[in-house]
Amino acid sequence: MPYPSARHAFMHGVRVLLPLTPGVIPFGLVTGVTAINMGLSPATTLGMAAMFYSGSAQMAVLQLMHTGVVPIAIVVTAWIINLRFIMYGATFAPHLQHLPRRWSWPSAYLLSDQSFALCSLKAFSGELGPYLFPFYAGTAVAMWLAWMLSVVAGVYVGASIPENWSLGFAIPLSFLALLVPGIRSKPSLGAAVVGGLLAVWLVRLPYNLGLIVASLGGIVAGLWIERLTNASGKSAAPATEEAQ
């Protein structure tokens, strides 16, 4: 999609991200309420949200803090949960390696599941051309603001929200909204199915290791199916030529 300027690409990234915010807001509200109920101050809660910028890791850390787990185990757990961002960064690196550090470092900090899902397919297709970074920046900045504002709302008004609203249910729905449009081939379908089954099967593994195993399993399944597909395509080509 051509853009007349980087500013237009940035604003388009913001607009594309906005429909995903309803799935982020409940997560932030729950995070803010949980931290305040544990006795953390608003400043500490917001500082934690800005430093982590990972809702799943922050919720896991809060739970471990509540149960009195030793600090080293808390740090390791947060690190394991966030390992997926290494894979995200490796995917984007070839497309954004030309950026100076004043842009690449903030970009790495602002990386999120939503921004990655919205930008990764466009990066591989070359659809955005030289405007990949401003488009990504638009999604990333909008996502960060949505997360921080939702945590602020959770800190100051979240306690008044009725529990029967079941806000946490919106979280998996938002990730499904990201997953389904990305399933465009047999390898991506296989990766999604295998990763999802492993995540459910291994949900009781300690330190959220099931998430990492499921991610790796999905990647391996997708690569294996892609290799089989390519191999069958190559074997069918000679047969077609002989028939001609």
Protein backbone atom coordinates (compact mmCIF):
# COMPACT_ATOMS: atom_id res chain seq x y z
CA MET A 1 0.00 0.00 0.00
CA PRO A 2 1.70 3.22 -1.15
CA TYR A 3 1.68 6.25 1.13
CA PRO A 4 2.31 9.87 0.19
CA SER A 5 4.49 10.36 3.28
CA ALA A 6 5.81 8.69 6.42
CA ARG A 7 3.25 10.63 8.45
CA HIS A 8 0.39 9.01 6.54
CA ALA A 9 1.93 5.57 7.13
CA PHE A 10 2.24 6.33 10.85
CA MET A 11 -1.39 7.43 11.13
CA HIS A 12 -2.54 4.39 9.18
CA GLY A 13 -0.72 2.21 11.69
CA VAL A 14 -2.56 3.96 14.51
CA ARG A 15 -5.93 3.42 12.81
CA VAL A 16 -5.22 -0.26 12.15
CA LEU A 17 -4.28 -0.80 15.81
CA LEU A 18 -7.32 0.95 17.31
CA PRO A 19 -9.80 -1.93 16.72
CA LEU A 20 -7.56 -4.15 18.88
CA THR A 21 -7.63 -1.88 21.93
CA PRO A 22 -10.89 -3.36 23.35
CA GLY A 23 -8.93 -6.52 24.03
CA VAL A 24 -6.10 -4.61 25.71
CA ILE A 25 -8.14 -2.37 28.00
CA PRO A 26 -9.54 -5.18 30.21
CA PHE A 27 -6.03 -6.62 30.59
CA GLY A 28 -4.72 -3.25 31.77
CA LEU A 29 -7.66 -2.76 34.12
CA VAL A 30 -7.12 -6.16 35.72
CA THR A 31 -3.38 -5.51 36.04
CA GLY A 32 -3.91 -2.14 37.72
CA VAL A 33 -6.55 -3.47 40.13
CA THR A 34 -4.45 -6.51 41.06
CA ALA A 35 -1.38 -4.41 41.85
CA ILE A 36 -3.31 -1.93 44.00
CA ASN A 37 -5.09 -4.75 45.87
CA MET A 38 -1.67 -6.22 46.67
CA GLY A 39 -0.67 -2.97 48.35
CA LEU A 40 1.50 -1.45 45.62
CA SER A 41 1.35 2.32 45.26
CA PRO A 42 -0.01 3.90 42.06
CA ALA A 43 3.47 5.18 41.18
CA THR A 44 5.02 1.73 41.63
CA THR A 45 2.27 0.09 39.61
CA LEU A 46 2.62 2.51 36.71
CA GLY A 47 6.41 2.32 36.82
CA MET A 48 6.18 -1.45 36.73
CA ALA A 49 3.81 -1.32 33.75
CA ALA A 50 6.16 1.01 31.86
CA MET A 51 9.27 -1.02 32.67
CA PHE A 52 7.79 -4.43 31.86
CA TYR A 53 5.48 -3.40 29.03
CA SER A 54 4.29 -7.00 28.98
CA GLY A 55 0.93 -7.70 30.51
CA SER A 56 1.41 -11.46 30.78
CA ALA A 57 4.79 -11.10 32.47
CA GLN A 58 3.54 -8.40 34.83
CA MET A 59 0.53 -10.47 35.90
CA ALA A 60 2.75 -13.50 36.50
CA VAL A 61 5.17 -11.39 38.56
CA LEU A 62 2.32 -9.98 40.65
CA GLN A 63 1.02 -13.47 41.35
CA LEU A 64 4.47 -14.72 42.35
CA MET A 65 5.00 -11.70 44.57
CA HIS A 66 1.68 -12.39 46.25
CA THR A 67 2.70 -15.97 47.04
CA GLY A 68 6.12 -14.92 48.36
CA VAL A 69 8.31 -16.53 45.71
CA VAL A 70 12.03 -15.71 45.89
CA PRO A 71 13.07 -12.76 43.66
CA ILE A 72 15.35 -14.79 41.37
CA ALA A 73 12.44 -17.09 40.45
CA ILE A 74 10.31 -14.04 39.67
CA VAL A 75 12.97 -12.60 37.37
CA VAL A 76 13.49 -15.92 35.57
CA THR A 77 9.73 -16.37 35.10
CA ALA A 78 9.36 -12.91 33.55
CA TRP A 79 12.35 -13.58 31.30
CA ILE A 80 10.92 -16.91 30.10
CA ILE A 81 7.51 -15.42 29.35
CA ASN A 82 9.11 -12.64 27.30
CA LEU A 83 11.35 -14.96 25.27
CA ARG A 84 8.86 -14.69 22.43
CA PHE A 85 10.06 -11.14 21.81
CA ILE A 86 13.43 -12.55 20.76
CA MET A 87 11.64 -14.37 17.94
CA TYR A 88 9.71 -11.22 17.08
CA GLY A 89 12.89 -9.16 16.98
CA ALA A 90 14.66 -11.71 14.82
CA THR A 91 11.77 -11.53 12.35
CA PHE A 92 11.89 -7.74 12.10
CA ALA A 93 15.68 -7.37 12.19
CA PRO A 94 16.32 -7.81 8.44
CA HIS A 95 13.70 -5.17 7.63
CA LEU A 96 14.66 -2.57 10.24
CA GLN A 97 18.42 -3.09 10.60
CA HIS A 98 19.12 0.13 8.71
CA LEU A 99 17.65 2.26 11.50
CA PRO A 100 19.98 4.29 13.73
CA ARG A 101 20.05 3.36 17.42
CA ARG A 102 17.97 6.36 18.44
CA TRP A 103 15.10 4.66 16.58
CA SER A 104 15.94 0.96 16.83
CA TRP A 105 16.17 0.89 20.63
CA PRO A 106 12.78 2.55 21.25
CA SER A 107 11.33 0.29 18.55
CA ALA A 108 12.56 -2.79 20.40
CA TYR A 109 11.06 -1.51 23.66
CA LEU A 110 7.68 -0.80 22.03
CA LEU A 111 7.42 -4.21 20.36
CA SER A 112 4.19 -5.99 21.28
CA ASP A 113 2.22 -9.04 20.17
CA GLN A 114 -0.31 -6.83 18.41
CA SER A 115 2.24 -4.71 16.54
CA PHE A 116 4.15 -7.80 15.49
CA ALA A 117 1.02 -9.52 14.19
CA LEU A 118 -0.07 -6.46 12.23
CA CYS A 119 3.35 -5.75 10.71
CA SER A 120 5.04 -9.12 10.18
CA LEU A 121 2.97 -10.23 7.17
CA LYS A 122 3.30 -6.79 5.57
CA ALA A 123 7.05 -6.90 6.16
CA PHE A 124 7.48 -10.22 4.35
CA SER A 125 5.22 -9.25 1.46
CA GLY A 126 7.00 -5.93 0.97
CA GLU A 127 3.59 -4.28 0.88
CA LEU A 128 4.73 -1.23 2.86
CA GLY A 129 7.99 -0.66 1.02
CA PRO A 130 10.07 2.09 2.66
CA TYR A 131 7.19 2.94 5.00
CA LEU A 132 7.36 -0.21 7.12
CA PHE A 133 8.98 1.59 10.05
CA PRO A 134 6.53 4.53 10.28
CA PHE A 135 3.62 2.09 9.97
CA TYR A 136 5.11 -0.07 12.72
CA ALA A 137 5.78 3.02 14.85
CA GLY A 138 2.12 4.00 14.54
CA THR A 139 0.92 0.61 15.75
CA ALA A 140 3.54 0.47 18.50
CA VAL A 141 2.93 3.95 19.94
CA ALA A 142 -0.85 3.49 19.84
CA MET A 143 -0.51 0.13 21.60
CA TRP A 144 1.75 1.55 24.32
CA LEU A 145 -0.65 4.41 25.01
CA ALA A 146 -3.63 2.05 25.13
CA TRP A 147 -1.81 -0.19 27.61
CA MET A 148 -0.60 2.56 29.90
CA LEU A 149 -3.94 4.41 29.93
CA SER A 150 -5.79 1.18 30.72
CA VAL A 151 -3.44 0.47 33.64
CA VAL A 152 -3.99 4.03 34.88
CA ALA A 153 -7.75 3.42 34.70
CA GLY A 154 -7.31 0.15 36.59
CA VAL A 155 -5.32 1.88 39.32
CA TYR A 156 -7.81 4.68 39.91
CA VAL A 157 -11.24 3.40 38.87
CA GLY A 158 -10.84 -0.34 38.25
CA ALA A 159 -11.93 -1.37 41.72
CA SER A 160 -15.43 0.01 41.05
CA ILE A 161 -15.96 -2.24 37.99
CA PRO A 162 -18.31 -5.18 38.81
CA GLU A 163 -16.65 -8.60 38.74
CA ASN A 164 -19.53 -10.11 36.76
CA TRP A 165 -18.39 -8.12 33.72
CA SER A 166 -15.71 -10.81 33.22
CA LEU A 167 -13.24 -8.39 31.64
CA GLY A 168 -10.53 -11.04 31.44
CA PHE A 169 -12.54 -12.87 28.76
CA ALA A 170 -11.72 -10.11 26.26
CA ILE A 171 -7.99 -10.90 26.43
CA PRO A 172 -7.98 -14.24 24.57
CA LEU A 173 -10.53 -12.85 22.11
CA SER A 174 -8.14 -10.08 21.12
CA PHE A 175 -5.40 -12.61 20.39
CA LEU A 176 -7.81 -14.70 18.31
CA ALA A 177 -8.58 -11.59 16.28
CA LEU A 178 -4.87 -11.32 15.54
CA LEU A 179 -4.37 -15.01 14.80
CA VAL A 180 -7.17 -15.77 12.36
CA PRO A 181 -6.26 -13.23 9.60
CA GLY A 182 -2.68 -14.52 9.62
CA ILE A 183 -3.70 -18.08 8.71
CA ARG A 184 -3.30 -17.93 4.94
CA SER A 185 -1.56 -21.20 4.09
CA LYS A 186 -1.13 -24.81 5.19
CA PRO A 187 2.10 -24.08 7.13
CA SER A 188 0.50 -21.22 9.08
CA LEU A 189 -2.60 -23.33 9.78
CA GLY A 190 -0.45 -26.24 10.97
CA ALA A 191 1.63 -23.95 13.17
CA ALA A 192 -1.52 -22.46 14.73
CA VAL A 193 -3.12 -25.85 15.40
CA VAL A 194 0.01 -27.48 16.84
CA GLY A 195 0.90 -24.43 18.92
CA GLY A 196 -2.64 -24.14 20.26
CA LEU A 197 -2.90 -27.83 21.17
CA LEU A 198 0.48 -27.79 22.91
CA ALA A 199 -0.43 -24.63 24.83
CA VAL A 200 -3.60 -26.26 26.16
CA TRP A 201 -1.90 -29.57 26.89
CA LEU A 202 1.08 -27.99 28.69
CA VAL A 203 -0.82 -25.25 30.51
CA ARG A 204 0.14 -26.71 33.92
CA LEU A 205 3.90 -26.57 33.33
CA PRO A 206 5.65 -24.35 35.90
CA TYR A 207 6.98 -20.87 35.09
CA ASN A 208 4.74 -20.65 32.00
CA LEU A 209 7.10 -22.98 30.14
CA GLY A 210 4.10 -24.30 28.20
CA LEU A 211 3.96 -21.02 26.30
CA ILE A 212 7.57 -21.36 25.12
CA VAL A 213 7.23 -25.05 24.21
CA ALA A 214 4.01 -24.35 22.31
CA SER A 215 5.65 -21.49 20.40
CA LEU A 216 8.62 -23.64 19.40
CA GLY A 217 6.35 -26.56 18.54
CA GLY A 218 4.23 -24.36 16.29
CA ILE A 219 7.33 -23.04 14.52
CA VAL A 220 8.70 -26.54 13.95
CA ALA A 221 5.33 -27.77 12.67
CA GLY A 222 4.99 -24.84 10.28
CA LEU A 223 8.50 -25.30 8.89
CA TRP A 224 7.96 -29.07 8.49
CA ILE A 225 4.67 -28.60 6.62
CA GLU A 226 6.24 -25.91 4.44
CA ARG A 227 9.12 -28.26 3.60
CA LEU A 228 6.70 -31.07 2.69
CA THR A 229 4.66 -28.70 0.55
CA ASN A 230 7.72 -27.47 -1.33
CA ALA A 231 9.00 -31.01 -1.80
CA SER A 232 5.69 -32.22 -3.23
CA GLY A 233 5.57 -29.22 -5.54
CA LYS A 234 9.04 -29.93 -6.90
CA SER A 235 8.26 -33.63 -7.44
CA ALA A 236 5.05 -32.79 -9.29
CA ALA A 237 6.79 -30.39 -11.70
CA PRO A 238 8.91 -33.02 -13.58
CA ALA A 239 5.87 -35.27 -13.94
CA THR A 240 3.92 -32.42 -15.52
CA GLU A 241 6.74 -31.65 -17.94
CA GLU A 242 6.99 -35.31 -19.00
CA ALA A 243 3.26 -35.41 -19.68
CA GLN A 244 3.61 -32.40 -21.98
